[in-house]
């Protein structure tokens, strides 16, 4: 354990050693804890969570509540381009489910840009549609989401999860007649295909 404790001070990947120290601290999950002398704030502020995205969310789940905001802020800052490393699909999907809703709504343009660059990703797309479904969209944003999602669905005909998320979003919006006719025609054509 002393070796892992020393390794936890490594700038980019020390968080992996900290997570290992947590797991080695006791035989049962309920009894596990981070060593008291571990500077979790410094570890989080230096972390590159893109090294092991699934393990990073595992770390988040085990962090005491007082450190969770710093963890989330670190991934948000990476998504904003503040660091050399970028979050992958799994971390962006995690942000969509766990970051403060307004923080993600403030990044809708970035998310849409990311989605255009990652056309085959469904997890972030579904998470984004879910985020948007929790608020009323203005006409311009709704038109853009309809156009982008329709085009994406035409290229991904078999993705029923995204189509369901899309229809769920639209069911919570005030669609004008033209938008409604467009969505009905598109869904009807898909059902006949």
C-alpha atoms as a PDB file:
ATOM      1  CA  UNK A   1       0.000   0.000   0.000  1.00  0.00           C
ATOM      2  CA  UNK A   2       2.859   2.520   0.590  1.00  0.00           C
ATOM      3  CA  UNK A   3       3.761   2.234  -3.091  1.00  0.00           C
ATOM      4  CA  UNK A   4       0.169   3.055  -4.126  1.00  0.00           C
ATOM      5  CA  UNK A   5       0.070   5.897  -1.618  1.00  0.00           C
ATOM      6  CA  UNK A   6       3.191   7.412  -3.204  1.00  0.00           C
ATOM      7  CA  UNK A   7       1.769   6.802  -6.682  1.00  0.00           C
ATOM      8  CA  UNK A   8      -1.427   8.684  -5.768  1.00  0.00           C
ATOM      9  CA  UNK A   9       0.658  11.886  -5.904  1.00  0.00           C
ATOM     10  CA  UNK A  10       1.373  11.388  -9.625  1.00  0.00           C
ATOM     11  CA  UNK A  11      -0.130  14.304 -11.557  1.00  0.00           C
ATOM     12  CA  UNK A  12      -2.301  12.732 -14.251  1.00  0.00           C
ATOM     13  CA  UNK A  13      -3.028   9.211 -13.064  1.00  0.00           C
ATOM     14  CA  UNK A  14      -2.673   9.425  -9.290  1.00  0.00           C
ATOM     15  CA  UNK A  15      -6.430   9.055  -9.023  1.00  0.00           C
ATOM     16  CA  UNK A  16      -6.084   5.427 -10.181  1.00  0.00           C
ATOM     17  CA  UNK A  17      -3.764   4.693  -7.239  1.00  0.00           C
ATOM     18  CA  UNK A  18      -6.196   6.483  -4.911  1.00  0.00           C
ATOM     19  CA  UNK A  19      -9.029   4.276  -6.179  1.00  0.00           C
ATOM     20  CA  UNK A  20      -6.891   1.191  -5.630  1.00  0.00           C
ATOM     21  CA  UNK A  21      -6.103   2.329  -2.082  1.00  0.00           C
ATOM     22  CA  UNK A  22      -9.840   2.660  -1.488  1.00  0.00           C
ATOM     23  CA  UNK A  23     -10.434  -0.912  -2.684  1.00  0.00           C
ATOM     24  CA  UNK A  24      -7.511  -2.275  -0.639  1.00  0.00           C
ATOM     25  CA  UNK A  25      -8.651  -0.544   2.552  1.00  0.00           C
ATOM     26  CA  UNK A  26     -11.082  -3.301   3.617  1.00  0.00           C
ATOM     27  CA  UNK A  27     -12.584  -6.591   2.501  1.00  0.00           C
ATOM     28  CA  UNK A  28     -16.153  -5.322   2.322  1.00  0.00           C
ATOM     29  CA  UNK A  29     -17.473  -2.367   0.331  1.00  0.00           C
ATOM     30  CA  UNK A  30     -19.240  -0.907   3.364  1.00  0.00           C
ATOM     31  CA  UNK A  31     -15.986  -0.803   5.349  1.00  0.00           C
ATOM     32  CA  UNK A  32     -13.835   0.723   2.594  1.00  0.00           C
ATOM     33  CA  UNK A  33     -12.559   4.284   2.769  1.00  0.00           C
ATOM     34  CA  UNK A  34      -9.866   6.491   1.297  1.00  0.00           C
ATOM     35  CA  UNK A  35      -6.846   6.914   3.582  1.00  0.00           C
ATOM     36  CA  UNK A  36      -7.379   9.952   5.804  1.00  0.00           C
ATOM     37  CA  UNK A  37      -4.062  11.529   4.796  1.00  0.00           C
ATOM     38  CA  UNK A  38      -4.843  11.336   1.058  1.00  0.00           C
ATOM     39  CA  UNK A  39      -5.328  14.783  -0.488  1.00  0.00           C
ATOM     40  CA  UNK A  40      -8.323  13.958  -2.664  1.00  0.00           C
ATOM     41  CA  UNK A  41      -8.808  17.559  -3.777  1.00  0.00           C
ATOM     42  CA  UNK A  42      -5.283  17.772  -5.233  1.00  0.00           C
ATOM     43  CA  UNK A  43      -5.661  14.343  -6.812  1.00  0.00           C
ATOM     44  CA  UNK A  44      -8.926  15.356  -8.524  1.00  0.00           C
ATOM     45  CA  UNK A  45      -7.583  18.737  -9.661  1.00  0.00           C
ATOM     46  CA  UNK A  46      -4.614  17.046 -11.382  1.00  0.00           C
ATOM     47  CA  UNK A  47      -6.520  14.079 -12.794  1.00  0.00           C
ATOM     48  CA  UNK A  48      -6.805  13.019 -16.408  1.00  0.00           C
ATOM     49  CA  UNK A  49     -10.013  11.006 -16.252  1.00  0.00           C
ATOM     50  CA  UNK A  50      -9.797  10.102 -19.943  1.00  0.00           C
ATOM     51  CA  UNK A  51      -7.126   7.527 -19.051  1.00  0.00           C
ATOM     52  CA  UNK A  52      -9.812   5.149 -17.769  1.00  0.00           C
ATOM     53  CA  UNK A  53     -13.314   6.662 -18.110  1.00  0.00           C
ATOM     54  CA  UNK A  54     -15.217   3.778 -16.506  1.00  0.00           C
ATOM     55  CA  UNK A  55     -12.857   3.688 -13.551  1.00  0.00           C
ATOM     56  CA  UNK A  56     -13.204   7.440 -13.164  1.00  0.00           C
ATOM     57  CA  UNK A  57     -16.958   7.150 -12.695  1.00  0.00           C
ATOM     58  CA  UNK A  58     -16.241   4.306 -10.267  1.00  0.00           C
ATOM     59  CA  UNK A  59     -14.065   6.788  -8.346  1.00  0.00           C
ATOM     60  CA  UNK A  60     -16.898   9.337  -8.356  1.00  0.00           C
ATOM     61  CA  UNK A  61     -19.294   6.788  -6.874  1.00  0.00           C
ATOM     62  CA  UNK A  62     -16.892   6.164  -3.991  1.00  0.00           C
ATOM     63  CA  UNK A  63     -15.888   9.749  -3.259  1.00  0.00           C
ATOM     64  CA  UNK A  64     -17.247  11.421  -0.153  1.00  0.00           C
ATOM     65  CA  UNK A  65     -19.926  13.926  -1.139  1.00  0.00           C
ATOM     66  CA  UNK A  66     -17.691  16.953  -0.490  1.00  0.00           C
ATOM     67  CA  UNK A  67     -15.414  15.973  -3.422  1.00  0.00           C
ATOM     68  CA  UNK A  68     -18.066  15.216  -6.031  1.00  0.00           C
ATOM     69  CA  UNK A  69     -18.457  18.809  -7.217  1.00  0.00           C
ATOM     70  CA  UNK A  70     -14.696  19.081  -7.860  1.00  0.00           C
ATOM     71  CA  UNK A  71     -14.791  15.822  -9.831  1.00  0.00           C
ATOM     72  CA  UNK A  72     -17.726  16.987 -11.971  1.00  0.00           C
ATOM     73  CA  UNK A  73     -16.126  20.409 -12.498  1.00  0.00           C
ATOM     74  CA  UNK A  74     -12.926  18.752 -13.702  1.00  0.00           C
ATOM     75  CA  UNK A  75     -14.759  16.788 -16.397  1.00  0.00           C
ATOM     76  CA  UNK A  76     -16.817  19.848 -17.390  1.00  0.00           C
ATOM     77  CA  UNK A  77     -13.600  21.889 -17.735  1.00  0.00           C
ATOM     78  CA  UNK A  78     -12.133  19.183 -19.921  1.00  0.00           C
ATOM     79  CA  UNK A  79     -15.247  19.206 -22.100  1.00  0.00           C
ATOM     80  CA  UNK A  80     -14.814  22.984 -22.357  1.00  0.00           C
ATOM     81  CA  UNK A  81     -11.297  22.424 -23.744  1.00  0.00           C
ATOM     82  CA  UNK A  82      -9.386  23.641 -20.684  1.00  0.00           C
ATOM     83  CA  UNK A  83      -7.016  20.636 -20.658  1.00  0.00           C
ATOM     84  CA  UNK A  84      -5.048  18.514 -23.111  1.00  0.00           C
ATOM     85  CA  UNK A  85      -7.335  15.576 -22.462  1.00  0.00           C
ATOM     86  CA  UNK A  86     -10.932  15.356 -23.646  1.00  0.00           C
ATOM     87  CA  UNK A  87     -13.765  13.310 -22.209  1.00  0.00           C
ATOM     88  CA  UNK A  88     -14.896  10.389 -24.328  1.00  0.00           C
ATOM     89  CA  UNK A  89     -18.465   9.341 -25.052  1.00  0.00           C
ATOM     90  CA  UNK A  90     -18.808   7.557 -21.709  1.00  0.00           C
ATOM     91  CA  UNK A  91     -17.754  10.638 -19.714  1.00  0.00           C
ATOM     92  CA  UNK A  92     -19.954  13.014 -21.719  1.00  0.00           C
ATOM     93  CA  UNK A  93     -22.880  10.635 -21.249  1.00  0.00           C
ATOM     94  CA  UNK A  94     -22.017  10.592 -17.531  1.00  0.00           C
ATOM     95  CA  UNK A  95     -22.058  14.408 -17.491  1.00  0.00           C
ATOM     96  CA  UNK A  96     -25.479  14.455 -19.148  1.00  0.00           C
ATOM     97  CA  UNK A  97     -26.805  12.217 -16.379  1.00  0.00           C
ATOM     98  CA  UNK A  98     -24.901  13.616 -13.384  1.00  0.00           C
ATOM     99  CA  UNK A  99     -23.756  17.210 -13.927  1.00  0.00           C
ATOM    100  CA  UNK A 100     -26.069  20.023 -12.905  1.00  0.00           C
ATOM    101  CA  UNK A 101     -28.717  20.324 -15.628  1.00  0.00           C
ATOM    102  CA  UNK A 102     -28.057  24.010 -16.202  1.00  0.00           C
ATOM    103  CA  UNK A 103     -24.337  23.370 -16.636  1.00  0.00           C
ATOM    104  CA  UNK A 104     -25.157  21.026 -19.501  1.00  0.00           C
ATOM    105  CA  UNK A 105     -27.850  23.284 -20.969  1.00  0.00           C
ATOM    106  CA  UNK A 106     -25.228  26.044 -21.064  1.00  0.00           C
ATOM    107  CA  UNK A 107     -23.170  23.721 -23.273  1.00  0.00           C
ATOM    108  CA  UNK A 108     -25.818  22.769 -25.841  1.00  0.00           C
ATOM    109  CA  UNK A 109     -23.794  24.251 -28.694  1.00  0.00           C
ATOM    110  CA  UNK A 110     -20.718  22.258 -27.640  1.00  0.00           C
ATOM    111  CA  UNK A 111     -22.766  19.076 -27.327  1.00  0.00           C
ATOM    112  CA  UNK A 112     -24.290  19.562 -30.777  1.00  0.00           C
ATOM    113  CA  UNK A 113     -20.822  20.178 -32.247  1.00  0.00           C
ATOM    114  CA  UNK A 114     -19.553  17.023 -30.532  1.00  0.00           C
ATOM    115  CA  UNK A 115     -22.498  15.016 -31.885  1.00  0.00           C
ATOM    116  CA  UNK A 116     -21.792  16.209 -35.439  1.00  0.00           C
ATOM    117  CA  UNK A 117     -18.194  15.028 -35.077  1.00  0.00           C
ATOM    118  CA  UNK A 118     -19.285  11.661 -33.610  1.00  0.00           C
ATOM    119  CA  UNK A 119     -22.127  10.606 -35.891  1.00  0.00           C
ATOM    120  CA  UNK A 120     -22.240   6.987 -34.721  1.00  0.00           C
ATOM    121  CA  UNK A 121     -22.496   7.729 -31.015  1.00  0.00           C
ATOM    122  CA  UNK A 122     -25.915   6.945 -29.589  1.00  0.00           C
ATOM    123  CA  UNK A 123     -25.295   7.292 -25.842  1.00  0.00           C
ATOM    124  CA  UNK A 124     -24.514  11.003 -25.877  1.00  0.00           C
ATOM    125  CA  UNK A 125     -27.271  11.646 -28.445  1.00  0.00           C
ATOM    126  CA  UNK A 126     -29.868   9.917 -26.254  1.00  0.00           C
ATOM    127  CA  UNK A 127     -28.596  11.689 -23.151  1.00  0.00           C
ATOM    128  CA  UNK A 128     -28.797  15.022 -24.947  1.00  0.00           C
ATOM    129  CA  UNK A 129     -32.366  14.391 -26.101  1.00  0.00           C
ATOM    130  CA  UNK A 130     -33.222  13.425 -22.521  1.00  0.00           C
ATOM    131  CA  UNK A 131     -31.684  16.642 -21.212  1.00  0.00           C
ATOM    132  CA  UNK A 132     -33.650  18.734 -23.696  1.00  0.00           C
ATOM    133  CA  UNK A 133     -36.901  16.933 -22.909  1.00  0.00           C
ATOM    134  CA  UNK A 134     -36.857  18.447 -19.432  1.00  0.00           C
ATOM    135  CA  UNK A 135     -37.407  21.982 -20.714  1.00  0.00           C
ATOM    136  CA  UNK A 136     -39.385  23.902 -23.303  1.00  0.00           C
ATOM    137  CA  UNK A 137     -37.291  24.702 -26.380  1.00  0.00           C
ATOM    138  CA  UNK A 138     -37.659  27.890 -28.362  1.00  0.00           C
ATOM    139  CA  UNK A 139     -38.764  27.536 -31.995  1.00  0.00           C
ATOM    140  CA  UNK A 140     -35.260  27.986 -33.465  1.00  0.00           C
ATOM    141  CA  UNK A 141     -33.703  25.388 -31.162  1.00  0.00           C
ATOM    142  CA  UNK A 142     -36.593  22.984 -31.682  1.00  0.00           C
ATOM    143  CA  UNK A 143     -36.344  23.354 -35.479  1.00  0.00           C
ATOM    144  CA  UNK A 144     -32.593  22.671 -35.277  1.00  0.00           C
ATOM    145  CA  UNK A 145     -33.045  19.603 -33.049  1.00  0.00           C
ATOM    146  CA  UNK A 146     -35.788  18.261 -35.346  1.00  0.00           C
ATOM    147  CA  UNK A 147     -33.691  18.783 -38.488  1.00  0.00           C
ATOM    148  CA  UNK A 148     -30.506  17.325 -36.971  1.00  0.00           C
ATOM    149  CA  UNK A 149     -32.252  14.331 -35.420  1.00  0.00           C
ATOM    150  CA  UNK A 150     -34.327  13.570 -38.522  1.00  0.00           C
ATOM    151  CA  UNK A 151     -31.173  13.578 -40.648  1.00  0.00           C
ATOM    152  CA  UNK A 152     -29.388  11.379 -38.120  1.00  0.00           C
ATOM    153  CA  UNK A 153     -32.307   8.937 -37.931  1.00  0.00           C
ATOM    154  CA  UNK A 154     -32.415   8.643 -41.727  1.00  0.00           C
ATOM    155  CA  UNK A 155     -28.795   7.443 -41.597  1.00  0.00           C
ATOM    156  CA  UNK A 156     -29.483   5.187 -38.581  1.00  0.00           C
ATOM    157  CA  UNK A 157     -32.862   3.636 -39.428  1.00  0.00           C
ATOM    158  CA  UNK A 158     -32.536   0.769 -36.945  1.00  0.00           C
ATOM    159  CA  UNK A 159     -31.833   2.871 -33.858  1.00  0.00           C
ATOM    160  CA  UNK A 160     -35.150   2.627 -32.056  1.00  0.00           C
ATOM    161  CA  UNK A 161     -33.716   3.923 -28.748  1.00  0.00           C
ATOM    162  CA  UNK A 162     -32.808   7.278 -30.251  1.00  0.00           C
ATOM    163  CA  UNK A 163     -36.104   7.442 -32.129  1.00  0.00           C
ATOM    164  CA  UNK A 164     -37.986   6.785 -28.881  1.00  0.00           C
ATOM    165  CA  UNK A 165     -35.957   9.462 -27.101  1.00  0.00           C
ATOM    166  CA  UNK A 166     -36.622  11.871 -29.960  1.00  0.00           C
ATOM    167  CA  UNK A 167     -40.368  11.230 -29.913  1.00  0.00           C
ATOM    168  CA  UNK A 168     -40.319  11.527 -26.116  1.00  0.00           C
ATOM    169  CA  UNK A 169     -38.668  14.937 -26.425  1.00  0.00           C
ATOM    170  CA  UNK A 170     -41.179  16.079 -29.012  1.00  0.00           C
ATOM    171  CA  UNK A 171     -44.120  14.870 -26.920  1.00  0.00           C
ATOM    172  CA  UNK A 172     -43.101  17.432 -24.271  1.00  0.00           C
ATOM    173  CA  UNK A 173     -42.758  20.365 -26.671  1.00  0.00           C
ATOM    174  CA  UNK A 174     -45.301  22.798 -28.062  1.00  0.00           C
ATOM    175  CA  UNK A 175     -45.032  21.879 -31.744  1.00  0.00           C
ATOM    176  CA  UNK A 176     -46.576  24.123 -34.354  1.00  0.00           C
ATOM    177  CA  UNK A 177     -48.611  22.527 -37.172  1.00  0.00           C
ATOM    178  CA  UNK A 178     -45.682  22.460 -39.624  1.00  0.00           C
ATOM    179  CA  UNK A 179     -43.384  20.793 -37.076  1.00  0.00           C
ATOM    180  CA  UNK A 180     -46.048  18.284 -36.086  1.00  0.00           C
ATOM    181  CA  UNK A 181     -46.843  17.413 -39.726  1.00  0.00           C
ATOM    182  CA  UNK A 182     -43.122  16.963 -40.405  1.00  0.00           C
ATOM    183  CA  UNK A 183     -42.624  14.633 -37.414  1.00  0.00           C
ATOM    184  CA  UNK A 184     -45.730  12.593 -38.247  1.00  0.00           C
ATOM    185  CA  UNK A 185     -44.681  12.205 -41.897  1.00  0.00           C
ATOM    186  CA  UNK A 186     -41.136  11.203 -40.905  1.00  0.00           C
ATOM    187  CA  UNK A 187     -42.364   8.646 -38.334  1.00  0.00           C
ATOM    188  CA  UNK A 188     -44.953   7.279 -40.735  1.00  0.00           C
ATOM    189  CA  UNK A 189     -42.301   6.809 -43.448  1.00  0.00           C
ATOM    190  CA  UNK A 190     -40.036   5.035 -40.950  1.00  0.00           C
ATOM    191  CA  UNK A 191     -42.835   2.688 -39.859  1.00  0.00           C
ATOM    192  CA  UNK A 192     -43.560   1.755 -43.487  1.00  0.00           C
ATOM    193  CA  UNK A 193     -39.897   1.068 -44.282  1.00  0.00           C
END
